[in-house]
C-alpha atoms as a PDB file:
ATOM      1  CA  UNK A   1      18.476   2.123  30.379  1.00  0.00           C
ATOM      2  CA  UNK A   2      16.424   4.918  28.939  1.00  0.00           C
ATOM      3  CA  UNK A   3      16.390   4.228  25.214  1.00  0.00           C
ATOM      4  CA  UNK A   4      14.027   6.117  22.999  1.00  0.00           C
ATOM      5  CA  UNK A   5      11.952   3.728  20.986  1.00  0.00           C
ATOM      6  CA  UNK A   6      11.017   4.259  17.390  1.00  0.00           C
ATOM      7  CA  UNK A   7       7.493   3.554  16.258  1.00  0.00           C
ATOM      8  CA  UNK A   8       7.593   0.743  13.670  1.00  0.00           C
ATOM      9  CA  UNK A   9       5.050   2.360  11.361  1.00  0.00           C
ATOM     10  CA  UNK A  10       6.818   5.733  11.427  1.00  0.00           C
ATOM     11  CA  UNK A  11      10.149   4.025  10.680  1.00  0.00           C
ATOM     12  CA  UNK A  12       8.568   2.079   7.818  1.00  0.00           C
ATOM     13  CA  UNK A  13       7.076   5.230   6.311  1.00  0.00           C
ATOM     14  CA  UNK A  14      10.449   6.950   6.569  1.00  0.00           C
ATOM     15  CA  UNK A  15      12.151   3.972   4.863  1.00  0.00           C
ATOM     16  CA  UNK A  16       9.611   4.070   2.035  1.00  0.00           C
ATOM     17  CA  UNK A  17       9.679   7.857   1.588  1.00  0.00           C
ATOM     18  CA  UNK A  18      11.280   8.695  -1.748  1.00  0.00           C
ATOM     19  CA  UNK A  19      12.159   5.071  -2.507  1.00  0.00           C
ATOM     20  CA  UNK A  20       9.806   3.758  -5.180  1.00  0.00           C
ATOM     21  CA  UNK A  21      11.604   0.419  -5.458  1.00  0.00           C
ATOM     22  CA  UNK A  22      11.130  -0.219  -1.729  1.00  0.00           C
ATOM     23  CA  UNK A  23       7.492   0.819  -1.976  1.00  0.00           C
ATOM     24  CA  UNK A  24       6.848  -1.709  -4.728  1.00  0.00           C
ATOM     25  CA  UNK A  25       8.686  -4.489  -2.923  1.00  0.00           C
ATOM     26  CA  UNK A  26       6.714  -3.724   0.235  1.00  0.00           C
ATOM     27  CA  UNK A  27       3.397  -3.798  -1.658  1.00  0.00           C
ATOM     28  CA  UNK A  28       4.301  -7.013  -3.479  1.00  0.00           C
ATOM     29  CA  UNK A  29       5.455  -8.852  -0.357  1.00  0.00           C
ATOM     30  CA  UNK A  30       2.372  -7.727   1.543  1.00  0.00           C
ATOM     31  CA  UNK A  31       0.112  -9.097  -1.160  1.00  0.00           C
ATOM     32  CA  UNK A  32       2.050 -12.352  -1.496  1.00  0.00           C
ATOM     33  CA  UNK A  33       2.263 -12.975   2.259  1.00  0.00           C
ATOM     34  CA  UNK A  34      -1.310 -11.916   3.015  1.00  0.00           C
ATOM     35  CA  UNK A  35      -3.259 -13.041  -0.043  1.00  0.00           C
ATOM     36  CA  UNK A  36      -6.212 -13.916   2.206  1.00  0.00           C
ATOM     37  CA  UNK A  37      -6.236 -10.591   4.092  1.00  0.00           C
ATOM     38  CA  UNK A  38      -7.244  -7.704   1.813  1.00  0.00           C
ATOM     39  CA  UNK A  39      -7.044  -5.318   4.768  1.00  0.00           C
ATOM     40  CA  UNK A  40      -3.263  -5.895   4.891  1.00  0.00           C
ATOM     41  CA  UNK A  41      -3.004  -4.900   1.202  1.00  0.00           C
ATOM     42  CA  UNK A  42      -5.046  -1.739   1.837  1.00  0.00           C
ATOM     43  CA  UNK A  43      -2.908  -0.893   4.872  1.00  0.00           C
ATOM     44  CA  UNK A  44       0.221  -1.211   2.714  1.00  0.00           C
ATOM     45  CA  UNK A  45      -1.340   1.152   0.150  1.00  0.00           C
ATOM     46  CA  UNK A  46      -2.117   3.577   2.971  1.00  0.00           C
ATOM     47  CA  UNK A  47       1.453   3.336   4.254  1.00  0.00           C
ATOM     48  CA  UNK A  48       2.803   4.079   0.777  1.00  0.00           C
ATOM     49  CA  UNK A  49       0.338   6.978   0.411  1.00  0.00           C
ATOM     50  CA  UNK A  50       1.663   8.409   3.682  1.00  0.00           C
ATOM     51  CA  UNK A  51       5.235   7.968   2.491  1.00  0.00           C
ATOM     52  CA  UNK A  52       4.451   9.772  -0.774  1.00  0.00           C
ATOM     53  CA  UNK A  53       2.193  12.342   0.868  1.00  0.00           C
ATOM     54  CA  UNK A  54      -1.571  11.843   0.717  1.00  0.00           C
ATOM     55  CA  UNK A  55      -2.164  14.964  -1.382  1.00  0.00           C
ATOM     56  CA  UNK A  56       0.466  14.047  -3.975  1.00  0.00           C
ATOM     57  CA  UNK A  57      -0.571  10.411  -4.140  1.00  0.00           C
ATOM     58  CA  UNK A  58      -4.252  11.349  -4.491  1.00  0.00           C
ATOM     59  CA  UNK A  59      -3.407  13.680  -7.388  1.00  0.00           C
ATOM     60  CA  UNK A  60      -1.262  11.015  -9.070  1.00  0.00           C
ATOM     61  CA  UNK A  61      -4.169   8.554  -8.786  1.00  0.00           C
ATOM     62  CA  UNK A  62      -6.751  11.038 -10.013  1.00  0.00           C
ATOM     63  CA  UNK A  63      -8.596  10.989  -6.697  1.00  0.00           C
ATOM     64  CA  UNK A  64      -9.453  13.680  -4.198  1.00  0.00           C
ATOM     65  CA  UNK A  65      -7.481  13.650  -0.970  1.00  0.00           C
ATOM     66  CA  UNK A  66     -10.702  13.128   0.993  1.00  0.00           C
ATOM     67  CA  UNK A  67     -11.677  10.184  -1.195  1.00  0.00           C
ATOM     68  CA  UNK A  68      -8.252   8.627  -0.709  1.00  0.00           C
ATOM     69  CA  UNK A  69      -8.487   9.043   3.077  1.00  0.00           C
ATOM     70  CA  UNK A  70     -11.949   7.446   3.077  1.00  0.00           C
ATOM     71  CA  UNK A  71     -10.867   4.608   0.794  1.00  0.00           C
ATOM     72  CA  UNK A  72      -7.838   3.733   2.910  1.00  0.00           C
ATOM     73  CA  UNK A  73      -9.520   4.167   6.288  1.00  0.00           C
ATOM     74  CA  UNK A  74     -10.181   1.168   8.543  1.00  0.00           C
ATOM     75  CA  UNK A  75     -13.794   1.153   7.271  1.00  0.00           C
ATOM     76  CA  UNK A  76     -12.804   1.724   3.646  1.00  0.00           C
ATOM     77  CA  UNK A  77     -14.055  -0.657   1.004  1.00  0.00           C
ATOM     78  CA  UNK A  78     -12.622   0.582  -2.272  1.00  0.00           C
ATOM     79  CA  UNK A  79     -14.007  -0.231  -5.679  1.00  0.00           C
ATOM     80  CA  UNK A  80     -11.719  -2.167  -7.957  1.00  0.00           C
ATOM     81  CA  UNK A  81     -11.346   0.820 -10.284  1.00  0.00           C
ATOM     82  CA  UNK A  82     -10.082   2.892  -7.337  1.00  0.00           C
ATOM     83  CA  UNK A  83      -7.483   0.239  -6.535  1.00  0.00           C
ATOM     84  CA  UNK A  84      -6.454   0.206 -10.196  1.00  0.00           C
ATOM     85  CA  UNK A  85      -6.029   4.017 -10.121  1.00  0.00           C
ATOM     86  CA  UNK A  86      -3.788   3.736  -7.049  1.00  0.00           C
ATOM     87  CA  UNK A  87      -1.733   0.948  -8.618  1.00  0.00           C
ATOM     88  CA  UNK A  88      -1.395   2.926 -11.845  1.00  0.00           C
ATOM     89  CA  UNK A  89      -0.120   5.909  -9.831  1.00  0.00           C
ATOM     90  CA  UNK A  90       2.508   3.561  -8.395  1.00  0.00           C
ATOM     91  CA  UNK A  91       3.451   2.417 -11.904  1.00  0.00           C
ATOM     92  CA  UNK A  92       2.329  -1.180 -11.390  1.00  0.00           C
ATOM     93  CA  UNK A  93      -0.492  -3.366 -12.602  1.00  0.00           C
ATOM     94  CA  UNK A  94      -2.414  -6.238 -11.075  1.00  0.00           C
ATOM     95  CA  UNK A  95      -1.685  -9.615 -12.653  1.00  0.00           C
ATOM     96  CA  UNK A  96      -3.058 -13.095 -12.195  1.00  0.00           C
ATOM     97  CA  UNK A  97      -0.885 -16.185 -11.799  1.00  0.00           C
ATOM     98  CA  UNK A  98      -1.757 -19.774 -11.005  1.00  0.00           C
ATOM     99  CA  UNK A  99      -1.182 -20.885  -7.424  1.00  0.00           C
ATOM    100  CA  UNK A 100       1.676 -23.337  -7.169  1.00  0.00           C
ATOM    101  CA  UNK A 101       0.403 -26.696  -5.978  1.00  0.00           C
ATOM    102  CA  UNK A 102       2.330 -28.295  -3.159  1.00  0.00           C
ATOM    103  CA  UNK A 103       3.791 -31.694  -3.938  1.00  0.00           C
ATOM    104  CA  UNK A 104       3.134 -34.282  -1.221  1.00  0.00           C
END
């Protein structure tokens, strides 16, 4: 059986391309499921940037394309204001909610 495989990341980017609702759900679920792994959140932002096109997303966020690449690279460590700019470009804001306590 010679089946062509599809790269997961490429398929995800294609699914997110042009679908803002899916992009927001992806970002939200990544943050909720990986609250203790900021690198997962940054990877989801990078995936969305790729789906939107780095140049377009950088312009929407008021950043240079080079700055966006650097920020979302494996070694990137963005400032909070940069994250806020990216979130604003996505039409979302960061909120704070109490953690639900588990009942024993």
